[in-house]
């Protein structure tokens, strides 16, 4: 949902299906694959900035590692950053509300999450 005073983009839409499939098997991307992903995600944000004219752009993502942070800080040196930690219950609620999220909540396992295929 976008506010009238800003645009918003969620980097979860940038996660390719092969990566989602691997996450669901507990296989994480290599450093090179993470760097490629980060570059493609940054390009997605650049395209959004170009189409948002002068409106601020709020970008969200499910997780941030050093690789992604480094690429984004290099590509967007004037950006303002906020890392938001949230309670597990809030995170579960947000995941359940998002279509196509690559995490899914497993009710049988309580608080544990698994990656959705």
PDB file of N, CA and C in Angstrom:
ATOM      1  N   UNK A   1       0.832  -1.172   0.000  1.00  0.00           N
ATOM      2  CA  UNK A   1       0.000   0.000   0.000  1.00  0.00           C
ATOM      3  C   UNK A   1       0.875   1.234   0.000  1.00  0.00           C
ATOM      4  N   UNK A   2       0.529   2.178  -0.820  1.00  0.00           N
ATOM      5  CA  UNK A   2       1.321   3.403  -0.905  1.00  0.00           C
ATOM      6  C   UNK A   2       0.573   4.572  -0.284  1.00  0.00           C
ATOM      7  N   UNK A   3       1.327   5.393   0.410  1.00  0.00           N
ATOM      8  CA  UNK A   3       0.774   6.622   0.966  1.00  0.00           C
ATOM      9  C   UNK A   3       0.756   7.672  -0.139  1.00  0.00           C
ATOM     10  N   UNK A   4      -0.107   8.671  -0.042  1.00  0.00           N
ATOM     11  CA  UNK A   4      -0.169   9.684  -1.103  1.00  0.00           C
ATOM     12  C   UNK A   4       1.098  10.523  -1.207  1.00  0.00           C
ATOM     13  N   UNK A   5       1.931  10.544  -0.165  1.00  0.00           N
ATOM     14  CA  UNK A   5       3.120  11.389  -0.152  1.00  0.00           C
ATOM     15  C   UNK A   5       4.400  10.639  -0.487  1.00  0.00           C
ATOM     16  N   UNK A   6       4.301   9.326  -0.757  1.00  0.00           N
ATOM     17  CA  UNK A   6       5.507   8.575  -1.123  1.00  0.00           C
ATOM     18  C   UNK A   6       5.135   7.347  -1.935  1.00  0.00           C
ATOM     19  N   UNK A   7       6.144   6.769  -2.548  1.00  0.00           N
ATOM     20  CA  UNK A   7       5.975   5.513  -3.277  1.00  0.00           C
ATOM     21  C   UNK A   7       6.625   4.411  -2.452  1.00  0.00           C
ATOM     22  N   UNK A   8       6.247   3.177  -2.692  1.00  0.00           N
ATOM     23  CA  UNK A   8       6.815   2.065  -1.943  1.00  0.00           C
ATOM     24  C   UNK A   8       7.135   0.891  -2.857  1.00  0.00           C
ATOM     25  N   UNK A   9       8.197   0.205  -2.534  1.00  0.00           N
ATOM     26  CA  UNK A   9       8.584  -1.007  -3.254  1.00  0.00           C
ATOM     27  C   UNK A   9       9.045  -2.043  -2.249  1.00  0.00           C
ATOM     28  N   UNK A  10       8.734  -3.308  -2.527  1.00  0.00           N
ATOM     29  CA  UNK A  10       9.143  -4.415  -1.669  1.00  0.00           C
ATOM     30  C   UNK A  10      10.118  -5.287  -2.452  1.00  0.00           C
ATOM     31  N   UNK A  11      11.317  -5.441  -1.928  1.00  0.00           N
ATOM     32  CA  UNK A  11      12.339  -6.212  -2.639  1.00  0.00           C
ATOM     33  C   UNK A  11      12.045  -7.704  -2.671  1.00  0.00           C
ATOM     34  N   UNK A  12      11.080  -8.177  -1.903  1.00  0.00           N
ATOM     35  CA  UNK A  12      10.743  -9.599  -1.953  1.00  0.00           C
ATOM     36  C   UNK A  12      10.304 -10.026  -3.354  1.00  0.00           C
ATOM     37  N   UNK A  13       9.739  -9.105  -4.129  1.00  0.00           N
ATOM     38  CA  UNK A  13       9.319  -9.449  -5.490  1.00  0.00           C
ATOM     39  C   UNK A  13      10.523  -9.720  -6.392  1.00  0.00           C
ATOM     40  N   UNK A  14      11.710  -9.312  -5.964  1.00  0.00           N
ATOM     41  CA  UNK A  14      12.926  -9.510  -6.753  1.00  0.00           C
ATOM     42  C   UNK A  14      13.552 -10.886  -6.538  1.00  0.00           C
ATOM     43  N   UNK A  15      13.104 -11.609  -5.514  1.00  0.00           N
ATOM     44  CA  UNK A  15      13.692 -12.916  -5.215  1.00  0.00           C
ATOM     45  C   UNK A  15      13.266 -13.893  -6.306  1.00  0.00           C
ATOM     46  N   UNK A  16      14.230 -14.411  -7.101  1.00  0.00           N
ATOM     47  CA  UNK A  16      13.864 -15.312  -8.200  1.00  0.00           C
ATOM     48  C   UNK A  16      13.356 -16.662  -7.689  1.00  0.00           C
ATOM     49  N   UNK A  17      12.573 -17.329  -8.521  1.00  0.00           N
ATOM     50  CA  UNK A  17      11.970 -18.598  -8.119  1.00  0.00           C
ATOM     51  C   UNK A  17      13.018 -19.637  -7.736  1.00  0.00           C
ATOM     52  N   UNK A  18      14.150 -19.692  -8.461  1.00  0.00           N
ATOM     53  CA  UNK A  18      15.170 -20.691  -8.123  1.00  0.00           C
ATOM     54  C   UNK A  18      15.704 -20.458  -6.709  1.00  0.00           C
ATOM     55  N   UNK A  19      15.785 -19.174  -6.301  1.00  0.00           N
ATOM     56  CA  UNK A  19      16.265 -18.861  -4.962  1.00  0.00           C
ATOM     57  C   UNK A  19      15.219 -19.260  -3.925  1.00  0.00           C
ATOM     58  N   UNK A  20      13.958 -18.999  -4.223  1.00  0.00           N
ATOM     59  CA  UNK A  20      12.881 -19.417  -3.321  1.00  0.00           C
ATOM     60  C   UNK A  20      12.877 -20.936  -3.158  1.00  0.00           C
ATOM     61  N   UNK A  21      13.024 -21.629  -4.280  1.00  0.00           N
ATOM     62  CA  UNK A  21      13.059 -23.097  -4.229  1.00  0.00           C
ATOM     63  C   UNK A  21      14.216 -23.581  -3.365  1.00  0.00           C
ATOM     64  N   UNK A  22      15.369 -22.961  -3.542  1.00  0.00           N
ATOM     65  CA  UNK A  22      16.529 -23.349  -2.739  1.00  0.00           C
ATOM     66  C   UNK A  22      16.330 -23.016  -1.266  1.00  0.00           C
ATOM     67  N   UNK A  23      15.755 -21.841  -0.967  1.00  0.00           N
ATOM     68  CA  UNK A  23      15.483 -21.484   0.423  1.00  0.00           C
ATOM     69  C   UNK A  23      14.622 -22.547   1.090  1.00  0.00           C
ATOM     70  N   UNK A  24      13.604 -23.029   0.361  1.00  0.00           N
ATOM     71  CA  UNK A  24      12.688 -24.013   0.937  1.00  0.00           C
ATOM     72  C   UNK A  24      13.395 -25.324   1.245  1.00  0.00           C
ATOM     73  N   UNK A  25      14.549 -25.558   0.616  1.00  0.00           N
ATOM     74  CA  UNK A  25      15.348 -26.762   0.874  1.00  0.00           C
ATOM     75  C   UNK A  25      16.484 -26.488   1.852  1.00  0.00           C
ATOM     76  N   UNK A  26      16.561 -25.249   2.347  1.00  0.00           N
ATOM     77  CA  UNK A  26      17.636 -24.892   3.257  1.00  0.00           C
ATOM     78  C   UNK A  26      18.943 -24.591   2.554  1.00  0.00           C
ATOM     79  N   UNK A  27      18.885 -24.337   1.248  1.00  0.00           N
ATOM     80  CA  UNK A  27      20.079 -24.028   0.454  1.00  0.00           C
ATOM     81  C   UNK A  27      20.108 -22.523   0.232  1.00  0.00           C
ATOM     82  N   UNK A  28      21.179 -21.905   0.694  1.00  0.00           N
ATOM     83  CA  UNK A  28      21.290 -20.454   0.600  1.00  0.00           C
ATOM     84  C   UNK A  28      22.212 -20.064  -0.551  1.00  0.00           C
ATOM     85  N   UNK A  29      21.989 -18.901  -1.133  1.00  0.00           N
ATOM     86  CA  UNK A  29      22.791 -18.482  -2.288  1.00  0.00           C
ATOM     87  C   UNK A  29      24.254 -18.242  -1.904  1.00  0.00           C
ATOM     88  N   UNK A  30      25.100 -18.434  -2.885  1.00  0.00           N
ATOM     89  CA  UNK A  30      26.528 -18.166  -2.704  1.00  0.00           C
ATOM     90  C   UNK A  30      26.747 -16.660  -2.645  1.00  0.00           C
ATOM     91  N   UNK A  31      27.947 -16.268  -2.273  1.00  0.00           N
ATOM     92  CA  UNK A  31      28.287 -14.844  -2.242  1.00  0.00           C
ATOM     93  C   UNK A  31      28.068 -14.221  -3.612  1.00  0.00           C
ATOM     94  N   UNK A  32      28.527 -14.888  -4.660  1.00  0.00           N
ATOM     95  CA  UNK A  32      28.351 -14.354  -6.019  1.00  0.00           C
ATOM     96  C   UNK A  32      26.875 -14.216  -6.360  1.00  0.00           C
ATOM     97  N   UNK A  33      26.061 -15.211  -6.017  1.00  0.00           N
ATOM     98  CA  UNK A  33      24.633 -15.148  -6.302  1.00  0.00           C
ATOM     99  C   UNK A  33      23.968 -14.022  -5.501  1.00  0.00           C
ATOM    100  N   UNK A  34      24.392 -13.825  -4.260  1.00  0.00           N
ATOM    101  CA  UNK A  34      23.843 -12.739  -3.446  1.00  0.00           C
ATOM    102  C   UNK A  34      24.216 -11.386  -4.031  1.00  0.00           C
ATOM    103  N   UNK A  35      25.430 -11.267  -4.545  1.00  0.00           N
ATOM    104  CA  UNK A  35      25.861 -10.005  -5.144  1.00  0.00           C
ATOM    105  C   UNK A  35      25.060  -9.702  -6.408  1.00  0.00           C
ATOM    106  N   UNK A  36      24.812 -10.728  -7.223  1.00  0.00           N
ATOM    107  CA  UNK A  36      23.987 -10.544  -8.429  1.00  0.00           C
ATOM    108  C   UNK A  36      22.581 -10.116  -8.022  1.00  0.00           C
ATOM    109  N   UNK A  37      22.024 -10.813  -7.028  1.00  0.00           N
ATOM    110  CA  UNK A  37      20.684 -10.459  -6.552  1.00  0.00           C
ATOM    111  C   UNK A  37      20.644  -9.015  -6.062  1.00  0.00           C
ATOM    112  N   UNK A  38      21.620  -8.632  -5.263  1.00  0.00           N
ATOM    113  CA  UNK A  38      21.658  -7.271  -4.717  1.00  0.00           C
ATOM    114  C   UNK A  38      21.731  -6.237  -5.833  1.00  0.00           C
ATOM    115  N   UNK A  39      22.532  -6.505  -6.852  1.00  0.00           N
ATOM    116  CA  UNK A  39      22.626  -5.586  -7.985  1.00  0.00           C
ATOM    117  C   UNK A  39      21.310  -5.464  -8.726  1.00  0.00           C
ATOM    118  N   UNK A  40      20.631  -6.583  -8.936  1.00  0.00           N
ATOM    119  CA  UNK A  40      19.338  -6.556  -9.627  1.00  0.00           C
ATOM    120  C   UNK A  40      18.285  -5.849  -8.772  1.00  0.00           C
ATOM    121  N   UNK A  41      18.319  -6.075  -7.467  1.00  0.00           N
ATOM    122  CA  UNK A  41      17.370  -5.407  -6.578  1.00  0.00           C
ATOM    123  C   UNK A  41      17.619  -3.899  -6.561  1.00  0.00           C
ATOM    124  N   UNK A  42      18.885  -3.495  -6.573  1.00  0.00           N
ATOM    125  CA  UNK A  42      19.207  -2.066  -6.610  1.00  0.00           C
ATOM    126  C   UNK A  42      18.726  -1.443  -7.926  1.00  0.00           C
ATOM    127  N   UNK A  43      18.852  -2.170  -9.025  1.00  0.00           N
ATOM    128  CA  UNK A  43      18.344  -1.668 -10.313  1.00  0.00           C
ATOM    129  C   UNK A  43      16.829  -1.504 -10.269  1.00  0.00           C
ATOM    130  N   UNK A  44      16.152  -2.433  -9.612  1.00  0.00           N
ATOM    131  CA  UNK A  44      14.697  -2.344  -9.440  1.00  0.00           C
ATOM    132  C   UNK A  44      14.341  -1.056  -8.693  1.00  0.00           C
ATOM    133  N   UNK A  45      15.102  -0.737  -7.662  1.00  0.00           N
ATOM    134  CA  UNK A  45      14.867   0.482  -6.892  1.00  0.00           C
ATOM    135  C   UNK A  45      15.174   1.714  -7.744  1.00  0.00           C
ATOM    136  N   UNK A  46      16.248   1.669  -8.537  1.00  0.00           N
ATOM    137  CA  UNK A  46      16.562   2.805  -9.414  1.00  0.00           C
ATOM    138  C   UNK A  46      15.439   3.070 -10.399  1.00  0.00           C
ATOM    139  N   UNK A  47      14.851   2.000 -10.958  1.00  0.00           N
ATOM    140  CA  UNK A  47      13.720   2.158 -11.882  1.00  0.00           C
ATOM    141  C   UNK A  47      12.530   2.784 -11.155  1.00  0.00           C
ATOM    142  N   UNK A  48      12.295   2.349  -9.926  1.00  0.00           N
ATOM    143  CA  UNK A  48      11.186   2.908  -9.148  1.00  0.00           C
ATOM    144  C   UNK A  48      11.428   4.385  -8.852  1.00  0.00           C
ATOM    145  N   UNK A  49      12.667   4.730  -8.529  1.00  0.00           N
ATOM    146  CA  UNK A  49      12.991   6.135  -8.272  1.00  0.00           C
ATOM    147  C   UNK A  49      12.759   6.988  -9.511  1.00  0.00           C
ATOM    148  N   UNK A  50      13.115   6.469 -10.668  1.00  0.00           N
ATOM    149  CA  UNK A  50      12.930   7.218 -11.914  1.00  0.00           C
ATOM    150  C   UNK A  50      11.447   7.447 -12.195  1.00  0.00           C
ATOM    151  N   UNK A  51      10.606   6.472 -11.869  1.00  0.00           N
ATOM    152  CA  UNK A  51       9.177   6.619 -12.152  1.00  0.00           C
ATOM    153  C   UNK A  51       8.443   7.356 -11.038  1.00  0.00           C
ATOM    154  N   UNK A  52       9.062   7.492  -9.868  1.00  0.00           N
ATOM    155  CA  UNK A  52       8.414   8.169  -8.746  1.00  0.00           C
ATOM    156  C   UNK A  52       8.605   9.673  -8.786  1.00  0.00           C
ATOM    157  N   UNK A  53       9.298  10.153  -9.800  1.00  0.00           N
ATOM    158  CA  UNK A  53       9.596  11.594  -9.917  1.00  0.00           C
ATOM    159  C   UNK A  53      10.317  12.060  -8.662  1.00  0.00           C
ATOM    160  N   UNK A  54       9.772  13.036  -7.983  1.00  0.00           N
ATOM    161  CA  UNK A  54      10.470  13.557  -6.806  1.00  0.00           C
ATOM    162  C   UNK A  54       9.896  13.028  -5.496  1.00  0.00           C
ATOM    163  N   UNK A  55       8.923  12.128  -5.569  1.00  0.00           N
ATOM    164  CA  UNK A  55       8.333  11.588  -4.344  1.00  0.00           C
ATOM    165  C   UNK A  55       9.338  10.687  -3.621  1.00  0.00           C
ATOM    166  N   UNK A  56       9.329  10.700  -2.304  1.00  0.00           N
ATOM    167  CA  UNK A  56      10.203   9.774  -1.572  1.00  0.00           C
ATOM    168  C   UNK A  56       9.819   8.323  -1.865  1.00  0.00           C
ATOM    169  N   UNK A  57      10.774   7.449  -1.779  1.00  0.00           N
ATOM    170  CA  UNK A  57      10.540   6.031  -2.021  1.00  0.00           C
ATOM    171  C   UNK A  57      10.898   5.257  -0.767  1.00  0.00           C
ATOM    172  N   UNK A  58       9.961   4.460  -0.277  1.00  0.00           N
ATOM    173  CA  UNK A  58      10.188   3.594   0.873  1.00  0.00           C
ATOM    174  C   UNK A  58      10.366   2.176   0.341  1.00  0.00           C
ATOM    175  N   UNK A  59      11.475   1.538   0.726  1.00  0.00           N
ATOM    176  CA  UNK A  59      11.796   0.192   0.242  1.00  0.00           C
ATOM    177  C   UNK A  59      11.804  -0.756   1.430  1.00  0.00           C
ATOM    178  N   UNK A  60      11.122  -1.886   1.284  1.00  0.00           N
ATOM    179  CA  UNK A  60      11.114  -2.884   2.353  1.00  0.00           C
ATOM    180  C   UNK A  60      11.676  -4.198   1.836  1.00  0.00           C
ATOM    181  N   UNK A  61      12.149  -4.998   2.768  1.00  0.00           N
ATOM    182  CA  UNK A  61      12.683  -6.318   2.429  1.00  0.00           C
ATOM    183  C   UNK A  61      12.628  -7.170   3.682  1.00  0.00           C
ATOM    184  N   UNK A  62      12.473  -8.469   3.499  1.00  0.00           N
ATOM    185  CA  UNK A  62      12.323  -9.375   4.631  1.00  0.00           C
ATOM    186  C   UNK A  62      13.587  -9.547   5.447  1.00  0.00           C
ATOM    187  N   UNK A  63      14.713  -9.495   4.781  1.00  0.00           N
ATOM    188  CA  UNK A  63      15.960  -9.657   5.520  1.00  0.00           C
ATOM    189  C   UNK A  63      17.027  -8.814   4.854  1.00  0.00           C
ATOM    190  N   UNK A  64      18.007  -8.423   5.624  1.00  0.00           N
ATOM    191  CA  UNK A  64      19.104  -7.624   5.089  1.00  0.00           C
ATOM    192  C   UNK A  64      20.394  -8.209   5.637  1.00  0.00           C
ATOM    193  N   UNK A  65      21.274  -8.604   4.725  1.00  0.00           N
ATOM    194  CA  UNK A  65      22.591  -9.054   5.158  1.00  0.00           C
ATOM    195  C   UNK A  65      23.625  -8.014   4.737  1.00  0.00           C
ATOM    196  N   UNK A  66      24.850  -8.225   5.144  1.00  0.00           N
ATOM    197  CA  UNK A  66      25.897  -7.249   4.831  1.00  0.00           C
ATOM    198  C   UNK A  66      26.064  -7.032   3.337  1.00  0.00           C
ATOM    199  N   UNK A  67      25.947  -8.102   2.541  1.00  0.00           N
ATOM    200  CA  UNK A  67      26.112  -7.982   1.092  1.00  0.00           C
ATOM    201  C   UNK A  67      25.115  -6.987   0.515  1.00  0.00           C
ATOM    202  N   UNK A  68      23.847  -7.189   0.860  1.00  0.00           N
ATOM    203  CA  UNK A  68      22.790  -6.325   0.342  1.00  0.00           C
ATOM    204  C   UNK A  68      22.979  -4.896   0.842  1.00  0.00           C
ATOM    205  N   UNK A  69      23.279  -4.760   2.109  1.00  0.00           N
ATOM    206  CA  UNK A  69      23.489  -3.437   2.698  1.00  0.00           C
ATOM    207  C   UNK A  69      24.625  -2.701   1.991  1.00  0.00           C
ATOM    208  N   UNK A  70      25.742  -3.384   1.749  1.00  0.00           N
ATOM    209  CA  UNK A  70      26.892  -2.751   1.092  1.00  0.00           C
ATOM    210  C   UNK A  70      26.555  -2.289  -0.318  1.00  0.00           C
ATOM    211  N   UNK A  71      25.872  -3.130  -1.080  1.00  0.00           N
ATOM    212  CA  UNK A  71      25.504  -2.760  -2.452  1.00  0.00           C
ATOM    213  C   UNK A  71      24.571  -1.560  -2.443  1.00  0.00           C
ATOM    214  N   UNK A  72      23.574  -1.573  -1.572  1.00  0.00           N
ATOM    215  CA  UNK A  72      22.615  -0.474  -1.546  1.00  0.00           C
ATOM    216  C   UNK A  72      23.255   0.821  -1.057  1.00  0.00           C
ATOM    217  N   UNK A  73      24.122   0.737  -0.077  1.00  0.00           N
ATOM    218  CA  UNK A  73      24.776   1.962   0.393  1.00  0.00           C
ATOM    219  C   UNK A  73      25.693   2.544  -0.677  1.00  0.00           C
ATOM    220  N   UNK A  74      26.321   1.687  -1.476  1.00  0.00           N
ATOM    221  CA  UNK A  74      27.175   2.179  -2.564  1.00  0.00           C
ATOM    222  C   UNK A  74      26.341   2.806  -3.680  1.00  0.00           C
ATOM    223  N   UNK A  75      25.202   2.194  -4.013  1.00  0.00           N
ATOM    224  CA  UNK A  75      24.368   2.694  -5.108  1.00  0.00           C
ATOM    225  C   UNK A  75      23.513   3.887  -4.698  1.00  0.00           C
ATOM    226  N   UNK A  76      23.192   3.990  -3.418  1.00  0.00           N
ATOM    227  CA  UNK A  76      22.302   5.052  -2.937  1.00  0.00           C
ATOM    228  C   UNK A  76      22.944   5.747  -1.733  1.00  0.00           C
ATOM    229  N   UNK A  77      24.036   6.471  -1.968  1.00  0.00           N
ATOM    230  CA  UNK A  77      24.779   7.057  -0.840  1.00  0.00           C
ATOM    231  C   UNK A  77      24.012   8.134  -0.075  1.00  0.00           C
ATOM    232  N   UNK A  78      22.996   8.721  -0.675  1.00  0.00           N
ATOM    233  CA  UNK A  78      22.240   9.774   0.003  1.00  0.00           C
ATOM    234  C   UNK A  78      20.955   9.258   0.645  1.00  0.00           C
ATOM    235  N   UNK A  79      20.749   7.952   0.613  1.00  0.00           N
ATOM    236  CA  UNK A  79      19.526   7.379   1.186  1.00  0.00           C
ATOM    237  C   UNK A  79      19.564   7.424   2.709  1.00  0.00           C
ATOM    238  N   UNK A  80      18.397   7.423   3.289  1.00  0.00           N
ATOM    239  CA  UNK A  80      18.251   7.315   4.741  1.00  0.00           C
ATOM    240  C   UNK A  80      17.853   5.877   5.043  1.00  0.00           C
ATOM    241  N   UNK A  81      18.496   5.284   6.017  1.00  0.00           N
ATOM    242  CA  UNK A  81      18.304   3.861   6.307  1.00  0.00           C
ATOM    243  C   UNK A  81      17.668   3.666   7.664  1.00  0.00           C
ATOM    244  N   UNK A  82      16.778   2.694   7.740  1.00  0.00           N
ATOM    245  CA  UNK A  82      16.180   2.312   9.020  1.00  0.00           C
ATOM    246  C   UNK A  82      16.039   0.794   9.031  1.00  0.00           C
ATOM    247  N   UNK A  83      16.646   0.177  10.010  1.00  0.00           N
ATOM    248  CA  UNK A  83      16.502  -1.269  10.187  1.00  0.00           C
ATOM    249  C   UNK A  83      15.470  -1.460  11.286  1.00  0.00           C
ATOM    250  N   UNK A  84      14.374  -2.109  10.940  1.00  0.00           N
ATOM    251  CA  UNK A  84      13.266  -2.255  11.866  1.00  0.00           C
ATOM    252  C   UNK A  84      13.211  -3.700  12.341  1.00  0.00           C
ATOM    253  N   UNK A  85      13.386  -3.871  13.627  1.00  0.00           N
ATOM    254  CA  UNK A  85      13.227  -5.185  14.229  1.00  0.00           C
ATOM    255  C   UNK A  85      11.794  -5.258  14.731  1.00  0.00           C
ATOM    256  N   UNK A  86      11.217  -6.435  14.663  1.00  0.00           N
ATOM    257  CA  UNK A  86       9.819  -6.550  15.046  1.00  0.00           C
ATOM    258  C   UNK A  86       9.608  -7.792  15.887  1.00  0.00           C
ATOM    259  N   UNK A  87       8.574  -7.771  16.683  1.00  0.00           N
ATOM    260  CA  UNK A  87       8.224  -8.939  17.483  1.00  0.00           C
ATOM    261  C   UNK A  87       7.810 -10.082  16.559  1.00  0.00           C
ATOM    262  N   UNK A  88       8.074 -11.282  16.990  1.00  0.00           N
ATOM    263  CA  UNK A  88       7.757 -12.464  16.174  1.00  0.00           C
ATOM    264  C   UNK A  88       6.281 -12.502  15.781  1.00  0.00           C
ATOM    265  N   UNK A  89       5.399 -12.197  16.709  1.00  0.00           N
ATOM    266  CA  UNK A  89       3.960 -12.225  16.399  1.00  0.00           C
ATOM    267  C   UNK A  89       3.614 -11.232  15.298  1.00  0.00           C
ATOM    268  N   UNK A  90       4.208 -10.046  15.337  1.00  0.00           N
ATOM    269  CA  UNK A  90       3.967  -9.046  14.289  1.00  0.00           C
ATOM    270  C   UNK A  90       4.513  -9.527  12.952  1.00  0.00           C
ATOM    271  N   UNK A  91       5.697 -10.131  12.978  1.00  0.00           N
ATOM    272  CA  UNK A  91       6.295 -10.639  11.745  1.00  0.00           C
ATOM    273  C   UNK A  91       5.420 -11.722  11.127  1.00  0.00           C
ATOM    274  N   UNK A  92       4.925 -12.635  11.937  1.00  0.00           N
ATOM    275  CA  UNK A  92       4.046 -13.703  11.434  1.00  0.00           C
ATOM    276  C   UNK A  92       2.800 -13.096  10.808  1.00  0.00           C
ATOM    277  N   UNK A  93       2.200 -12.119  11.483  1.00  0.00           N
ATOM    278  CA  UNK A  93       1.000 -11.466  10.947  1.00  0.00           C
ATOM    279  C   UNK A  93       1.285 -10.823   9.589  1.00  0.00           C
ATOM    280  N   UNK A  94       2.429 -10.150   9.472  1.00  0.00           N
ATOM    281  CA  UNK A  94       2.779  -9.491   8.212  1.00  0.00           C
ATOM    282  C   UNK A  94       3.038 -10.510   7.106  1.00  0.00           C
ATOM    283  N   UNK A  95       3.707 -11.598   7.438  1.00  0.00           N
ATOM    284  CA  UNK A  95       3.980 -12.632   6.442  1.00  0.00           C
ATOM    285  C   UNK A  95       2.674 -13.223   5.926  1.00  0.00           C
ATOM    286  N   UNK A  96       1.758 -13.512   6.838  1.00  0.00           N
ATOM    287  CA  UNK A  96       0.481 -14.093   6.429  1.00  0.00           C
ATOM    288  C   UNK A  96      -0.327 -13.146   5.552  1.00  0.00           C
ATOM    289  N   UNK A  97      -0.117 -11.844   5.706  1.00  0.00           N
ATOM    290  CA  UNK A  97      -0.874 -10.854   4.936  1.00  0.00           C
ATOM    291  C   UNK A  97      -0.284 -10.596   3.555  1.00  0.00           C
ATOM    292  N   UNK A  98       0.930 -11.083   3.296  1.00  0.00           N
ATOM    293  CA  UNK A  98       1.608 -10.759   2.033  1.00  0.00           C
ATOM    294  C   UNK A  98       1.495 -11.917   1.050  1.00  0.00           C
ATOM    295  N   UNK A  99       1.008 -11.613  -0.133  1.00  0.00           N
ATOM    296  CA  UNK A  99       0.934 -12.625  -1.179  1.00  0.00           C
ATOM    297  C   UNK A  99       2.308 -12.883  -1.763  1.00  0.00           C
ATOM    298  N   UNK A 100       2.626 -14.159  -1.988  1.00  0.00           N
ATOM    299  CA  UNK A 100       3.861 -14.513  -2.666  1.00  0.00           C
ATOM    300  C   UNK A 100       5.104 -14.364  -1.818  1.00  0.00           C
ATOM    301  N   UNK A 101       4.952 -14.239  -0.508  1.00  0.00           N
ATOM    302  CA  UNK A 101       6.125 -14.110   0.346  1.00  0.00           C
ATOM    303  C   UNK A 101       6.875 -15.433   0.375  1.00  0.00           C
ATOM    304  N   UNK A 102       8.195 -15.388   0.439  1.00  0.00           N
ATOM    305  CA  UNK A 102       8.952 -16.630   0.383  1.00  0.00           C
ATOM    306  C   UNK A 102       9.148 -17.282   1.744  1.00  0.00           C
ATOM    307  N   UNK A 103       8.649 -16.689   2.811  1.00  0.00           N
ATOM    308  CA  UNK A 103       8.524 -17.385   4.087  1.00  0.00           C
ATOM    309  C   UNK A 103       7.082 -17.838   4.192  1.00  0.00           C
ATOM    310  N   UNK A 104       6.864 -18.949   4.867  1.00  0.00           N
ATOM    311  CA  UNK A 104       5.501 -19.278   5.236  1.00  0.00           C
ATOM    312  C   UNK A 104       5.521 -19.724   6.685  1.00  0.00           C
ATOM    313  N   UNK A 105       4.417 -19.506   7.346  1.00  0.00           N
ATOM    314  CA  UNK A 105       4.315 -19.857   8.756  1.00  0.00           C
ATOM    315  C   UNK A 105       3.742 -21.260   8.841  1.00  0.00           C
ATOM    316  N   UNK A 106       4.398 -22.114   9.598  1.00  0.00           N
ATOM    317  CA  UNK A 106       3.965 -23.489   9.783  1.00  0.00           C
ATOM    318  C   UNK A 106       3.267 -23.576  11.139  1.00  0.00           C
ATOM    319  N   UNK A 107       1.937 -23.634  11.116  1.00  0.00           N
ATOM    320  CA  UNK A 107       1.183 -23.641  12.368  1.00  0.00           C
ATOM    321  C   UNK A 107       1.502 -24.846  13.242  1.00  0.00           C
ATOM    322  N   UNK A 108       1.868 -25.963  12.634  1.00  0.00           N
ATOM    323  CA  UNK A 108       2.169 -27.166  13.406  1.00  0.00           C
ATOM    324  C   UNK A 108       3.465 -27.037  14.191  1.00  0.00           C
ATOM    325  N   UNK A 109       4.351 -26.160  13.759  1.00  0.00           N
ATOM    326  CA  UNK A 109       5.643 -26.030  14.417  1.00  0.00           C
ATOM    327  C   UNK A 109       5.728 -24.772  15.260  1.00  0.00           C
ATOM    328  N   UNK A 110       4.593 -24.147  15.484  1.00  0.00           N
ATOM    329  CA  UNK A 110       4.586 -22.972  16.357  1.00  0.00           C
ATOM    330  C   UNK A 110       5.305 -21.793  15.733  1.00  0.00           C
ATOM    331  N   UNK A 111       6.298 -21.282  16.453  1.00  0.00           N
ATOM    332  CA  UNK A 111       6.977 -20.067  16.037  1.00  0.00           C
ATOM    333  C   UNK A 111       7.990 -20.264  14.929  1.00  0.00           C
ATOM    334  N   UNK A 112       8.319 -21.503  14.592  1.00  0.00           N
ATOM    335  CA  UNK A 112       9.341 -21.728  13.578  1.00  0.00           C
ATOM    336  C   UNK A 112       8.785 -21.399  12.201  1.00  0.00           C
ATOM    337  N   UNK A 113       9.644 -20.844  11.384  1.00  0.00           N
ATOM    338  CA  UNK A 113       9.265 -20.500  10.017  1.00  0.00           C
ATOM    339  C   UNK A 113      10.024 -21.395   9.071  1.00  0.00           C
ATOM    340  N   UNK A 114       9.462 -21.568   7.908  1.00  0.00           N
ATOM    341  CA  UNK A 114      10.178 -22.257   6.852  1.00  0.00           C
ATOM    342  C   UNK A 114      10.034 -21.422   5.583  1.00  0.00           C
ATOM    343  N   UNK A 115      10.942 -21.641   4.663  1.00  0.00           N
ATOM    344  CA  UNK A 115      10.849 -20.926   3.408  1.00  0.00           C
ATOM    345  C   UNK A 115       9.806 -21.593   2.535  1.00  0.00           C
ATOM    346  N   UNK A 116       8.945 -20.808   1.924  1.00  0.00           N
ATOM    347  CA  UNK A 116       7.930 -21.340   1.020  1.00  0.00           C
ATOM    348  C   UNK A 116       8.554 -21.585  -0.342  1.00  0.00           C
ATOM    349  N   UNK A 117       8.131 -22.629  -1.014  1.00  0.00           N
ATOM    350  CA  UNK A 117       8.694 -22.896  -2.365  1.00  0.00           C
ATOM    351  C   UNK A 117       8.246 -21.868  -3.377  1.00  0.00           C
TER     352      UNK A 117
END
